Amino acid sequence: MSAGCGYEEGAAVLVEPIGKVQQREVTAATEHYRQQAQDIYKRRFTPVPVLFDLAGRTAGMFKLVGRRGWIRYNPWIFAKYFEENLRDTVPHEVAHFIVYELYGTRGIKPHGRQWRAVMEHFGADQGVTFDLDLEGVPQRQQRTHPYRCGCRLHEVSSTRHNRVQLGVGSYRCRLCGSDLAYVG
């Protein structure tokens, strides 16, 4: 079996996440780009925390809550496409971190000119999405909730259901125009 191959569940072979050795390699690459940015911009950037807790179809994400930021990587996608993600995803996410450190968030587009400039300095591909086969990579499944309108039954996402329950949202059927009512 090659790296990234895993165990079977039913007929599908599930990918196993990268281990500690590869996580250290990804963390070192992240640090390399942060150091490179310090040389380019002639200023110090605080080390960015790196987590390997991202799931689903996203390979990486710069997460910002308040003034605290960190980078999250998907260990299953990295396992399946390690070299590609080391080359493309790591500089992509570090560039988001650097843009935040340089400019903040006000008036800054996620993949705008500032981000593209950092990516150019890194010599990295400025593509923002990938189209790789994710068979075997665990996918998040959002729970749905049953709602009824005047003409049929709808399955509403947990996000929308929670908004309705909190009284901050309501939804109408596109076909009959009547309000959706929770069935559960």
N, C-alpha and C. Protein backbone atom coordinates (compact mmCIF):
# COMPACT_ATOMS: atom_id res chain seq x y z
N MET A 1 0.84 -1.19 0.00
CA MET A 1 0.00 0.00 0.00
C MET A 1 0.87 1.24 0.00
N SER A 2 0.47 2.26 -0.74
CA SER A 2 1.22 3.52 -0.77
C SER A 2 0.80 4.39 0.40
N ALA A 3 1.57 5.44 0.63
CA ALA A 3 1.22 6.38 1.71
C ALA A 3 -0.16 6.93 1.47
N GLY A 4 -0.93 7.04 2.52
CA GLY A 4 -2.26 7.59 2.38
C GLY A 4 -3.33 6.53 2.20
N CYS A 5 -2.91 5.28 1.90
CA CYS A 5 -3.91 4.23 1.79
C CYS A 5 -4.33 3.84 3.18
N GLY A 6 -5.50 3.26 3.28
CA GLY A 6 -6.00 3.01 4.61
C GLY A 6 -6.76 1.72 4.73
N TYR A 7 -7.82 1.78 5.44
CA TYR A 7 -8.61 0.61 5.76
C TYR A 7 -9.90 0.64 4.97
N GLU A 8 -10.55 -0.53 4.89
CA GLU A 8 -11.79 -0.62 4.13
C GLU A 8 -12.99 -0.45 5.03
N GLU A 9 -13.98 0.27 4.53
CA GLU A 9 -15.27 0.38 5.19
C GLU A 9 -16.30 0.07 4.12
N GLY A 10 -16.90 -1.11 4.20
CA GLY A 10 -17.78 -1.54 3.11
C GLY A 10 -16.91 -1.77 1.90
N ALA A 11 -17.24 -1.18 0.77
CA ALA A 11 -16.48 -1.37 -0.45
C ALA A 11 -15.43 -0.29 -0.65
N ALA A 12 -15.53 0.82 0.08
CA ALA A 12 -14.61 1.94 -0.14
C ALA A 12 -13.39 1.81 0.77
N VAL A 13 -12.22 2.12 0.23
CA VAL A 13 -11.00 2.15 1.03
C VAL A 13 -10.86 3.57 1.56
N LEU A 14 -10.85 3.70 2.88
CA LEU A 14 -10.73 5.02 3.50
C LEU A 14 -9.27 5.38 3.70
N VAL A 15 -8.95 6.62 3.42
CA VAL A 15 -7.60 7.13 3.59
C VAL A 15 -7.33 7.33 5.07
N GLU A 16 -6.12 6.97 5.50
CA GLU A 16 -5.71 7.25 6.87
C GLU A 16 -5.03 8.61 6.90
N PRO A 17 -5.23 9.39 7.96
CA PRO A 17 -4.61 10.72 8.03
C PRO A 17 -3.09 10.62 8.14
N ILE A 18 -2.40 11.72 7.79
CA ILE A 18 -0.95 11.72 7.93
C ILE A 18 -0.57 11.55 9.40
N GLY A 19 0.59 10.98 9.62
CA GLY A 19 1.09 10.75 10.97
C GLY A 19 1.95 11.90 11.46
N LYS A 20 2.53 11.71 12.61
CA LYS A 20 3.31 12.77 13.28
C LYS A 20 4.51 13.22 12.45
N VAL A 21 5.18 12.30 11.76
CA VAL A 21 6.35 12.67 10.97
C VAL A 21 5.96 13.63 9.86
N GLN A 22 4.91 13.30 9.11
CA GLN A 22 4.47 14.19 8.05
C GLN A 22 3.86 15.48 8.61
N GLN A 23 3.20 15.42 9.75
CA GLN A 23 2.69 16.64 10.38
C GLN A 23 3.84 17.58 10.71
N ARG A 24 4.95 17.03 11.20
CA ARG A 24 6.13 17.88 11.49
C ARG A 24 6.67 18.49 10.20
N GLU A 25 6.64 17.74 9.11
CA GLU A 25 7.11 18.26 7.82
C GLU A 25 6.23 19.41 7.35
N VAL A 26 4.91 19.27 7.50
CA VAL A 26 3.97 20.33 7.11
C VAL A 26 4.17 21.55 8.01
N THR A 27 4.33 21.33 9.30
CA THR A 27 4.55 22.42 10.23
C THR A 27 5.86 23.15 9.91
N ALA A 28 6.90 22.40 9.55
CA ALA A 28 8.18 23.00 9.18
C ALA A 28 8.03 23.82 7.89
N ALA A 29 7.27 23.32 6.92
CA ALA A 29 7.03 24.07 5.68
C ALA A 29 6.27 25.35 5.97
N THR A 30 5.29 25.27 6.88
CA THR A 30 4.53 26.46 7.28
C THR A 30 5.47 27.50 7.88
N GLU A 31 6.35 27.03 8.76
CA GLU A 31 7.33 27.92 9.39
C GLU A 31 8.29 28.50 8.35
N HIS A 32 8.68 27.69 7.37
CA HIS A 32 9.57 28.15 6.30
C HIS A 32 8.96 29.35 5.57
N TYR A 33 7.66 29.26 5.23
CA TYR A 33 7.01 30.37 4.52
C TYR A 33 6.85 31.59 5.42
N ARG A 34 6.62 31.39 6.71
CA ARG A 34 6.53 32.52 7.63
C ARG A 34 7.89 33.23 7.70
N GLN A 35 8.96 32.45 7.79
CA GLN A 35 10.31 33.02 7.82
C GLN A 35 10.62 33.75 6.50
N GLN A 36 10.19 33.16 5.39
CA GLN A 36 10.40 33.79 4.09
C GLN A 36 9.69 35.14 4.04
N ALA A 37 8.47 35.20 4.58
CA ALA A 37 7.72 36.46 4.62
C ALA A 37 8.45 37.50 5.47
N GLN A 38 9.08 37.06 6.56
CA GLN A 38 9.85 38.00 7.39
C GLN A 38 10.98 38.61 6.58
N ASP A 39 11.65 37.79 5.76
CA ASP A 39 12.74 38.30 4.92
C ASP A 39 12.21 39.24 3.85
N ILE A 40 11.08 38.89 3.26
CA ILE A 40 10.50 39.70 2.17
C ILE A 40 10.02 41.05 2.70
N TYR A 41 9.28 41.03 3.80
CA TYR A 41 8.63 42.24 4.31
C TYR A 41 9.46 42.96 5.38
N LYS A 42 10.61 42.40 5.71
CA LYS A 42 11.53 43.03 6.68
C LYS A 42 10.84 43.37 7.99
N ARG A 43 10.06 42.40 8.47
CA ARG A 43 9.40 42.56 9.77
C ARG A 43 9.16 41.18 10.37
N ARG A 44 8.91 41.18 11.67
CA ARG A 44 8.70 39.92 12.39
C ARG A 44 7.22 39.55 12.36
N PHE A 45 6.95 38.28 12.09
CA PHE A 45 5.59 37.74 12.19
C PHE A 45 5.61 36.67 13.28
N THR A 46 4.66 36.75 14.20
CA THR A 46 4.60 35.76 15.26
C THR A 46 4.36 34.38 14.66
N PRO A 47 4.91 33.33 15.28
CA PRO A 47 4.62 31.98 14.79
C PRO A 47 3.12 31.72 14.81
N VAL A 48 2.64 31.06 13.78
CA VAL A 48 1.21 30.77 13.69
C VAL A 48 0.97 29.32 14.14
N PRO A 49 0.02 29.12 15.05
CA PRO A 49 -0.30 27.75 15.46
C PRO A 49 -0.83 26.93 14.27
N VAL A 50 -0.46 25.66 14.23
CA VAL A 50 -0.88 24.76 13.16
C VAL A 50 -1.62 23.58 13.79
N LEU A 51 -2.83 23.31 13.28
CA LEU A 51 -3.63 22.18 13.72
C LEU A 51 -3.91 21.26 12.54
N PHE A 52 -4.09 19.99 12.81
CA PHE A 52 -4.44 19.02 11.78
C PHE A 52 -5.81 18.43 12.11
N ASP A 53 -6.80 19.32 12.18
CA ASP A 53 -8.13 18.92 12.62
C ASP A 53 -9.23 19.24 11.62
N LEU A 54 -8.85 19.63 10.40
CA LEU A 54 -9.84 20.00 9.40
C LEU A 54 -10.34 18.74 8.70
N ALA A 55 -11.65 18.69 8.46
CA ALA A 55 -12.24 17.54 7.78
C ALA A 55 -13.06 18.04 6.60
N GLY A 56 -13.49 17.12 5.77
CA GLY A 56 -14.34 17.47 4.64
C GLY A 56 -13.54 17.66 3.36
N ARG A 57 -13.99 18.59 2.52
CA ARG A 57 -13.43 18.78 1.18
C ARG A 57 -12.36 19.88 1.12
N THR A 58 -12.04 20.50 2.25
CA THR A 58 -11.10 21.61 2.29
C THR A 58 -9.75 21.12 2.77
N ALA A 59 -8.68 21.44 2.03
CA ALA A 59 -7.34 20.98 2.38
C ALA A 59 -6.72 21.82 3.48
N GLY A 60 -7.03 23.12 3.50
CA GLY A 60 -6.45 23.99 4.51
C GLY A 60 -7.29 25.22 4.73
N MET A 61 -7.04 25.89 5.85
CA MET A 61 -7.83 27.08 6.19
C MET A 61 -7.05 27.92 7.20
N PHE A 62 -7.01 29.24 6.94
CA PHE A 62 -6.52 30.16 7.96
C PHE A 62 -7.76 30.60 8.73
N LYS A 63 -7.80 30.30 10.00
CA LYS A 63 -8.96 30.60 10.84
C LYS A 63 -8.63 31.78 11.74
N LEU A 64 -9.56 32.71 11.81
CA LEU A 64 -9.37 33.89 12.63
C LEU A 64 -10.59 34.07 13.53
N VAL A 65 -10.36 34.14 14.83
CA VAL A 65 -11.42 34.42 15.79
C VAL A 65 -10.92 35.57 16.66
N GLY A 66 -11.60 36.69 16.52
CA GLY A 66 -11.11 37.90 17.20
C GLY A 66 -9.78 38.28 16.61
N ARG A 67 -8.77 38.36 17.45
CA ARG A 67 -7.42 38.68 16.98
C ARG A 67 -6.51 37.45 16.98
N ARG A 68 -7.10 36.31 17.30
CA ARG A 68 -6.33 35.06 17.33
C ARG A 68 -6.49 34.32 16.02
N GLY A 69 -5.38 33.92 15.42
CA GLY A 69 -5.45 33.19 14.17
C GLY A 69 -4.62 31.92 14.23
N TRP A 70 -5.00 30.93 13.44
CA TRP A 70 -4.25 29.69 13.34
C TRP A 70 -4.54 29.07 11.98
N ILE A 71 -3.71 28.12 11.60
CA ILE A 71 -3.89 27.41 10.34
C ILE A 71 -4.33 25.99 10.64
N ARG A 72 -5.37 25.56 9.94
CA ARG A 72 -5.89 24.20 10.07
C ARG A 72 -5.64 23.47 8.75
N TYR A 73 -5.15 22.25 8.86
CA TYR A 73 -4.94 21.42 7.68
C TYR A 73 -5.77 20.14 7.79
N ASN A 74 -6.15 19.61 6.64
CA ASN A 74 -6.92 18.36 6.58
C ASN A 74 -5.94 17.20 6.44
N PRO A 75 -5.75 16.41 7.50
CA PRO A 75 -4.74 15.34 7.45
C PRO A 75 -5.08 14.21 6.48
N TRP A 76 -6.34 14.06 6.13
CA TRP A 76 -6.74 13.01 5.17
C TRP A 76 -6.41 13.43 3.75
N ILE A 77 -6.71 14.68 3.40
CA ILE A 77 -6.38 15.17 2.05
C ILE A 77 -4.86 15.25 1.90
N PHE A 78 -4.15 15.68 2.94
CA PHE A 78 -2.69 15.70 2.88
C PHE A 78 -2.15 14.28 2.69
N ALA A 79 -2.78 13.29 3.30
CA ALA A 79 -2.31 11.91 3.15
C ALA A 79 -2.46 11.44 1.70
N LYS A 80 -3.55 11.82 1.08
CA LYS A 80 -3.81 11.36 -0.28
C LYS A 80 -2.97 12.12 -1.31
N TYR A 81 -2.71 13.40 -1.06
CA TYR A 81 -1.97 14.26 -2.00
C TYR A 81 -0.92 15.07 -1.24
N PHE A 82 0.02 14.39 -0.61
CA PHE A 82 0.95 15.06 0.29
C PHE A 82 1.80 16.11 -0.43
N GLU A 83 2.50 15.72 -1.49
CA GLU A 83 3.40 16.65 -2.17
C GLU A 83 2.66 17.85 -2.74
N GLU A 84 1.48 17.62 -3.35
CA GLU A 84 0.70 18.71 -3.92
C GLU A 84 0.28 19.71 -2.85
N ASN A 85 -0.12 19.21 -1.69
CA ASN A 85 -0.56 20.09 -0.62
C ASN A 85 0.61 20.81 0.04
N LEU A 86 1.74 20.14 0.15
CA LEU A 86 2.92 20.79 0.68
C LEU A 86 3.33 21.95 -0.24
N ARG A 87 3.22 21.73 -1.54
CA ARG A 87 3.61 22.73 -2.53
C ARG A 87 2.59 23.86 -2.66
N ASP A 88 1.27 23.53 -2.61
CA ASP A 88 0.22 24.52 -2.91
C ASP A 88 -0.56 25.00 -1.70
N THR A 89 -1.02 24.10 -0.86
CA THR A 89 -1.89 24.47 0.26
C THR A 89 -1.13 25.22 1.35
N VAL A 90 0.07 24.77 1.67
CA VAL A 90 0.82 25.41 2.76
C VAL A 90 1.10 26.89 2.44
N PRO A 91 1.69 27.22 1.29
CA PRO A 91 1.90 28.66 1.04
C PRO A 91 0.59 29.45 0.92
N HIS A 92 -0.46 28.80 0.40
CA HIS A 92 -1.77 29.44 0.28
C HIS A 92 -2.26 29.91 1.65
N GLU A 93 -2.20 29.02 2.63
CA GLU A 93 -2.71 29.36 3.97
C GLU A 93 -1.78 30.32 4.70
N VAL A 94 -0.47 30.15 4.54
CA VAL A 94 0.46 31.09 5.17
C VAL A 94 0.26 32.48 4.57
N ALA A 95 -0.02 32.56 3.28
CA ALA A 95 -0.27 33.86 2.65
C ALA A 95 -1.48 34.55 3.28
N HIS A 96 -2.53 33.79 3.59
CA HIS A 96 -3.69 34.39 4.28
C HIS A 96 -3.26 34.95 5.64
N PHE A 97 -2.44 34.21 6.36
CA PHE A 97 -1.95 34.66 7.67
C PHE A 97 -1.12 35.94 7.52
N ILE A 98 -0.22 35.96 6.55
CA ILE A 98 0.65 37.12 6.34
C ILE A 98 -0.18 38.35 5.96
N VAL A 99 -1.17 38.17 5.08
CA VAL A 99 -2.04 39.29 4.69
C VAL A 99 -2.77 39.83 5.91
N TYR A 100 -3.26 38.95 6.77
CA TYR A 100 -3.93 39.41 7.99
C TYR A 100 -2.94 40.20 8.86
N GLU A 101 -1.74 39.69 9.03
CA GLU A 101 -0.74 40.37 9.85
C GLU A 101 -0.37 41.74 9.27
N LEU A 102 -0.30 41.84 7.96
CA LEU A 102 0.09 43.09 7.32
C LEU A 102 -1.04 44.11 7.24
N TYR A 103 -2.26 43.64 6.93
CA TYR A 103 -3.36 44.56 6.59
C TYR A 103 -4.60 44.44 7.46
N GLY A 104 -4.67 43.43 8.31
CA GLY A 104 -5.91 43.20 9.05
C GLY A 104 -6.97 42.61 8.14
N THR A 105 -8.23 42.85 8.47
CA THR A 105 -9.32 42.27 7.67
C THR A 105 -10.18 43.32 6.98
N ARG A 106 -10.13 44.53 7.43
CA ARG A 106 -11.01 45.57 6.89
C ARG A 106 -10.68 45.89 5.43
N GLY A 107 -11.65 45.66 4.55
CA GLY A 107 -11.50 45.97 3.13
C GLY A 107 -10.60 45.02 2.36
N ILE A 108 -10.23 43.91 2.95
CA ILE A 108 -9.33 42.96 2.31
C ILE A 108 -10.13 41.77 1.80
N LYS A 109 -10.00 41.47 0.51
CA LYS A 109 -10.67 40.29 -0.07
C LYS A 109 -9.78 39.07 0.18
N PRO A 110 -10.41 37.92 0.47
CA PRO A 110 -9.62 36.72 0.81
C PRO A 110 -8.55 36.36 -0.22
N HIS A 111 -8.86 36.45 -1.50
CA HIS A 111 -7.88 36.13 -2.53
C HIS A 111 -7.63 37.36 -3.41
N GLY A 112 -7.61 38.51 -2.76
CA GLY A 112 -7.43 39.78 -3.45
C GLY A 112 -5.98 40.06 -3.80
N ARG A 113 -5.72 41.30 -4.19
CA ARG A 113 -4.39 41.66 -4.69
C ARG A 113 -3.29 41.50 -3.63
N GLN A 114 -3.60 41.74 -2.36
CA GLN A 114 -2.60 41.59 -1.32
C GLN A 114 -2.19 40.12 -1.18
N TRP A 115 -3.18 39.24 -1.18
CA TRP A 115 -2.90 37.80 -1.08
C TRP A 115 -2.12 37.33 -2.31
N ARG A 116 -2.53 37.78 -3.49
CA ARG A 116 -1.83 37.38 -4.72
C ARG A 116 -0.39 37.86 -4.71
N ALA A 117 -0.15 39.04 -4.16
CA ALA A 117 1.22 39.56 -4.07
C ALA A 117 2.09 38.68 -3.17
N VAL A 118 1.55 38.26 -2.03
CA VAL A 118 2.30 37.38 -1.12
C VAL A 118 2.59 36.05 -1.83
N MET A 119 1.58 35.51 -2.50
CA MET A 119 1.78 34.25 -3.22
C MET A 119 2.85 34.39 -4.30
N GLU A 120 2.87 35.53 -4.97
CA GLU A 120 3.89 35.78 -5.99
C GLU A 120 5.28 35.82 -5.35
N HIS A 121 5.40 36.49 -4.20
CA HIS A 121 6.68 36.52 -3.49
C HIS A 121 7.12 35.11 -3.09
N PHE A 122 6.16 34.26 -2.74
CA PHE A 122 6.48 32.88 -2.37
C PHE A 122 6.82 32.03 -3.59
N GLY A 123 6.48 32.52 -4.79
CA GLY A 123 6.66 31.73 -6.01
C GLY A 123 5.68 30.58 -6.07
N ALA A 124 4.50 30.78 -5.50
CA ALA A 124 3.49 29.72 -5.40
C ALA A 124 2.33 29.95 -6.36
N ASP A 125 1.65 28.88 -6.70
CA ASP A 125 0.48 28.92 -7.57
C ASP A 125 -0.62 29.73 -6.90
N GLN A 126 -1.21 30.66 -7.64
CA GLN A 126 -2.26 31.52 -7.09
C GLN A 126 -3.66 30.94 -7.27
N GLY A 127 -3.77 29.70 -7.69
CA GLY A 127 -5.08 29.05 -7.78
C GLY A 127 -5.70 28.96 -6.40
N VAL A 128 -7.01 29.04 -6.34
CA VAL A 128 -7.66 29.07 -5.03
C VAL A 128 -8.42 27.78 -4.71
N THR A 129 -8.61 26.92 -5.70
CA THR A 129 -9.29 25.65 -5.43
C THR A 129 -8.56 24.54 -6.16
N PHE A 130 -8.84 23.33 -5.77
CA PHE A 130 -8.28 22.19 -6.47
C PHE A 130 -9.43 21.26 -6.83
N ASP A 131 -9.18 20.42 -7.82
CA ASP A 131 -10.20 19.48 -8.27
C ASP A 131 -9.59 18.09 -8.29
N LEU A 132 -9.33 17.55 -7.11
CA LEU A 132 -8.72 16.24 -6.98
C LEU A 132 -9.76 15.24 -6.51
N ASP A 133 -9.54 14.00 -6.85
CA ASP A 133 -10.44 12.93 -6.44
C ASP A 133 -10.31 12.73 -4.93
N LEU A 134 -11.41 12.88 -4.20
CA LEU A 134 -11.39 12.74 -2.75
C LEU A 134 -12.01 11.43 -2.27
N GLU A 135 -12.08 10.44 -3.17
CA GLU A 135 -12.62 9.14 -2.76
C GLU A 135 -11.76 8.58 -1.64
N GLY A 136 -12.40 8.12 -0.59
CA GLY A 136 -11.70 7.57 0.56
C GLY A 136 -11.41 8.60 1.64
N VAL A 137 -11.60 9.87 1.33
CA VAL A 137 -11.40 10.93 2.34
C VAL A 137 -12.72 11.12 3.08
N PRO A 138 -12.71 10.98 4.40
CA PRO A 138 -13.97 11.14 5.15
C PRO A 138 -14.60 12.51 4.89
N GLN A 139 -15.89 12.53 4.66
CA GLN A 139 -16.62 13.77 4.40
C GLN A 139 -17.56 14.06 5.55
N ARG A 140 -17.68 15.33 5.86
CA ARG A 140 -18.65 15.73 6.89
C ARG A 140 -20.04 15.57 6.30
N GLN A 141 -20.94 15.08 7.09
CA GLN A 141 -22.34 14.98 6.68
C GLN A 141 -23.15 15.85 7.62
N GLN A 142 -23.72 16.91 7.09
CA GLN A 142 -24.55 17.77 7.95
C GLN A 142 -25.92 17.12 8.12
N ARG A 143 -26.39 17.12 9.32
CA ARG A 143 -27.70 16.57 9.63
C ARG A 143 -28.78 17.48 9.04
N THR A 144 -29.88 16.87 8.62
CA THR A 144 -31.00 17.66 8.11
C THR A 144 -32.22 17.46 9.00
N HIS A 145 -33.17 18.38 8.87
CA HIS A 145 -34.37 18.36 9.70
C HIS A 145 -35.58 18.49 8.78
N PRO A 146 -36.65 17.74 9.09
CA PRO A 146 -37.83 17.76 8.21
C PRO A 146 -38.70 19.01 8.43
N TYR A 147 -39.04 19.67 7.34
CA TYR A 147 -39.95 20.83 7.33
C TYR A 147 -40.99 20.59 6.25
N ARG A 148 -42.18 21.11 6.45
CA ARG A 148 -43.25 20.96 5.49
C ARG A 148 -43.76 22.33 5.07
N CYS A 149 -44.13 22.41 3.79
CA CYS A 149 -44.77 23.62 3.26
C CYS A 149 -46.17 23.20 2.78
N GLY A 150 -46.77 23.99 1.92
CA GLY A 150 -48.08 23.67 1.39
C GLY A 150 -48.08 22.57 0.35
N CYS A 151 -46.90 22.23 -0.20
CA CYS A 151 -46.90 21.26 -1.30
C CYS A 151 -46.02 20.03 -1.09
N ARG A 152 -45.08 20.07 -0.15
CA ARG A 152 -44.20 18.90 -0.02
C ARG A 152 -43.37 18.96 1.26
N LEU A 153 -42.52 17.93 1.44
CA LEU A 153 -41.61 17.83 2.58
C LEU A 153 -40.23 18.33 2.13
N HIS A 154 -39.57 19.09 2.99
CA HIS A 154 -38.23 19.62 2.71
C HIS A 154 -37.26 19.09 3.77
N GLU A 155 -36.00 18.92 3.40
CA GLU A 155 -34.94 18.60 4.35
C GLU A 155 -34.10 19.87 4.50
N VAL A 156 -34.10 20.46 5.69
CA VAL A 156 -33.43 21.72 5.96
C VAL A 156 -32.15 21.45 6.74
N SER A 157 -31.07 22.12 6.39
CA SER A 157 -29.78 21.93 7.06
C SER A 157 -29.88 22.34 8.54
N SER A 158 -28.96 21.82 9.33
CA SER A 158 -28.92 22.18 10.76
C SER A 158 -28.70 23.67 10.95
N THR A 159 -27.92 24.29 10.09
CA THR A 159 -27.68 25.73 10.20
C THR A 159 -29.00 26.49 10.07
N ARG A 160 -29.76 26.20 9.03
CA ARG A 160 -31.03 26.89 8.83
C ARG A 160 -32.03 26.53 9.92
N HIS A 161 -32.07 25.27 10.31
CA HIS A 161 -32.97 24.82 11.38
C HIS A 161 -32.69 25.61 12.66
N ASN A 162 -31.40 25.75 13.01
CA ASN A 162 -31.03 26.47 14.23
C ASN A 162 -31.44 27.93 14.15
N ARG A 163 -31.32 28.54 12.98
CA ARG A 163 -31.76 29.94 12.82
C ARG A 163 -33.26 30.06 13.06
N VAL A 164 -34.02 29.13 12.51
CA VAL A 164 -35.47 29.15 12.70
C VAL A 164 -35.79 28.99 14.19
N GLN A 165 -35.13 28.05 14.85
CA GLN A 165 -35.39 27.79 16.27
C GLN A 165 -35.04 29.00 17.14
N LEU A 166 -34.04 29.76 16.74
CA LEU A 166 -33.65 30.96 17.48
C LEU A 166 -34.49 32.18 17.12
N GLY A 167 -35.34 32.03 16.10
CA GLY A 167 -36.20 33.12 15.68
C GLY A 167 -35.49 34.17 14.84
N VAL A 168 -34.34 33.83 14.24
CA VAL A 168 -33.60 34.80 13.42
C VAL A 168 -33.69 34.48 11.93
N GLY A 169 -34.54 33.55 11.57
CA GLY A 169 -34.69 33.22 10.16
C GLY A 169 -35.99 32.49 9.92
N SER A 170 -36.50 32.64 8.73
CA SER A 170 -37.65 31.85 8.30
C SER A 170 -37.45 31.58 6.81
N TYR A 171 -38.07 30.53 6.33
CA TYR A 171 -37.86 30.12 4.95
C TYR A 171 -39.18 29.79 4.29
N ARG A 172 -39.23 30.08 2.99
CA ARG A 172 -40.42 29.81 2.18
C ARG A 172 -40.09 28.81 1.08
N CYS A 173 -41.09 28.07 0.69
CA CYS A 173 -40.94 27.14 -0.43
C CYS A 173 -40.86 27.94 -1.72
N ARG A 174 -39.93 27.60 -2.59
CA ARG A 174 -39.80 28.29 -3.87
C ARG A 174 -40.92 27.91 -4.83
N LEU A 175 -41.52 26.75 -4.61
CA LEU A 175 -42.59 26.32 -5.51
C LEU A 175 -43.94 26.93 -5.17
N CYS A 176 -44.38 26.76 -3.90
CA CYS A 176 -45.72 27.22 -3.54
C CYS A 176 -45.72 28.55 -2.79
N GLY A 177 -44.55 28.99 -2.30
CA GLY A 177 -44.45 30.28 -1.62
C GLY A 177 -44.87 30.28 -0.17
N SER A 178 -45.31 29.14 0.37
CA SER A 178 -45.74 29.12 1.77
C SER A 178 -44.54 28.93 2.71
N ASP A 179 -44.72 29.37 3.97
CA ASP A 179 -43.65 29.20 4.97
C ASP A 179 -43.40 27.73 5.25
N LEU A 180 -42.13 27.43 5.55
CA LEU A 180 -41.79 26.08 5.96
C LEU A 180 -42.02 25.96 7.46
N ALA A 181 -42.62 24.85 7.87
CA ALA A 181 -42.90 24.59 9.27
C ALA A 181 -42.19 23.31 9.70
N TYR A 182 -41.57 23.37 10.87
CA TYR A 182 -40.83 22.21 11.40
C TYR A 182 -41.78 21.06 11.69
N VAL A 183 -41.42 19.86 11.23
CA VAL A 183 -42.27 18.69 11.41
C VAL A 183 -41.85 17.91 12.66
N GLY A 184 -40.54 17.89 12.94
CA GLY A 184 -39.94 17.07 14.01
C GLY A 184 -40.67 17.12 15.26
